Amino acid sequence: MQQKKLSYTVEEAVAVSGITKTNLYRHMHEGDLATFKSGRRRMVSQAAIENLIKKLEKRAQVAA
């Protein structure tokens, strides 16, 4: 049985979320996406990705 990853590099987060690298960095800069450092690597938790997607869904509903 394959375990679910708890955190991703930015490149992996792009692949998992479907959000472009540019937009992920924009969300990080704006404070919408929490990240952390592990050595030299910038990491994004699975929970942070899910929270970002929920925020984006709420914004889309309000805008509609």
Protein backbone atom coordinates (compact mmCIF):
# COMPACT_ATOMS: atom_id res chain seq x y z
CA MET A 1 0.00 0.00 0.00
CA GLN A 2 1.42 3.38 -1.03
CA GLN A 3 1.55 6.06 1.65
CA LYS A 4 0.25 9.57 0.98
CA LYS A 5 3.01 12.19 1.04
CA LEU A 6 2.72 14.84 3.75
CA SER A 7 4.83 17.47 1.99
CA TYR A 8 6.06 18.33 -1.48
CA THR A 9 8.76 20.38 -3.13
CA VAL A 10 7.42 23.34 -5.10
CA GLU A 11 7.81 21.39 -8.34
CA GLU A 12 5.90 18.43 -6.89
CA ALA A 13 3.21 20.79 -5.54
CA VAL A 14 2.78 22.16 -9.07
CA ALA A 15 2.21 18.64 -10.39
CA VAL A 16 -0.14 17.62 -7.57
CA SER A 17 -2.24 20.79 -7.47
CA GLY A 18 -2.37 21.70 -11.15
CA ILE A 19 -1.52 25.31 -10.24
CA THR A 20 1.34 26.85 -12.21
CA LYS A 21 4.70 27.48 -10.57
CA THR A 22 4.30 31.23 -11.08
CA ASN A 23 0.91 31.23 -9.38
CA LEU A 24 2.15 29.05 -6.50
CA TYR A 25 4.96 31.53 -5.84
CA ARG A 26 2.46 34.40 -6.05
CA HIS A 27 0.24 32.70 -3.46
CA MET A 28 3.29 32.14 -1.23
CA HIS A 29 4.26 35.82 -1.53
CA GLU A 30 0.70 36.98 -0.78
CA GLY A 31 0.52 34.71 2.29
CA ASP A 32 -2.17 32.42 0.88
CA LEU A 33 0.12 29.37 0.79
CA ALA A 34 2.13 28.39 3.85
CA THR A 35 5.53 26.84 3.16
CA PHE A 36 8.55 25.75 5.17
CA LYS A 37 12.22 25.10 4.56
CA SER A 38 13.84 21.70 4.87
CA GLY A 39 17.53 22.34 4.43
CA ARG A 40 17.76 24.30 1.19
CA ARG A 41 14.44 23.11 -0.20
CA ARG A 42 11.18 25.03 0.01
CA MET A 43 8.42 22.58 0.95
CA VAL A 44 4.63 22.75 0.84
CA SER A 45 2.50 20.53 3.07
CA GLN A 46 -0.43 18.58 1.70
CA ALA A 47 -2.67 20.46 4.15
CA ALA A 48 -1.42 23.83 2.86
CA ILE A 49 -2.22 22.83 -0.73
CA GLU A 50 -5.71 21.71 0.28
CA ASN A 51 -6.27 24.96 2.22
CA LEU A 52 -5.18 27.04 -0.78
CA ILE A 53 -7.55 25.20 -3.09
CA LYS A 54 -10.42 25.73 -0.62
CA LYS A 55 -9.60 29.47 -0.49
CA LEU A 56 -9.56 29.67 -4.27
CA GLU A 57 -12.89 27.84 -4.49
CA LYS A 58 -14.47 30.26 -1.99
CA ARG A 59 -13.16 33.27 -3.94
CA ALA A 60 -14.58 31.82 -7.15
CA GLN A 61 -18.00 31.35 -5.53
CA VAL A 62 -18.04 34.91 -4.20
CA ALA A 63 -17.01 36.30 -7.58
CA ALA A 64 -19.70 34.32 -9.42
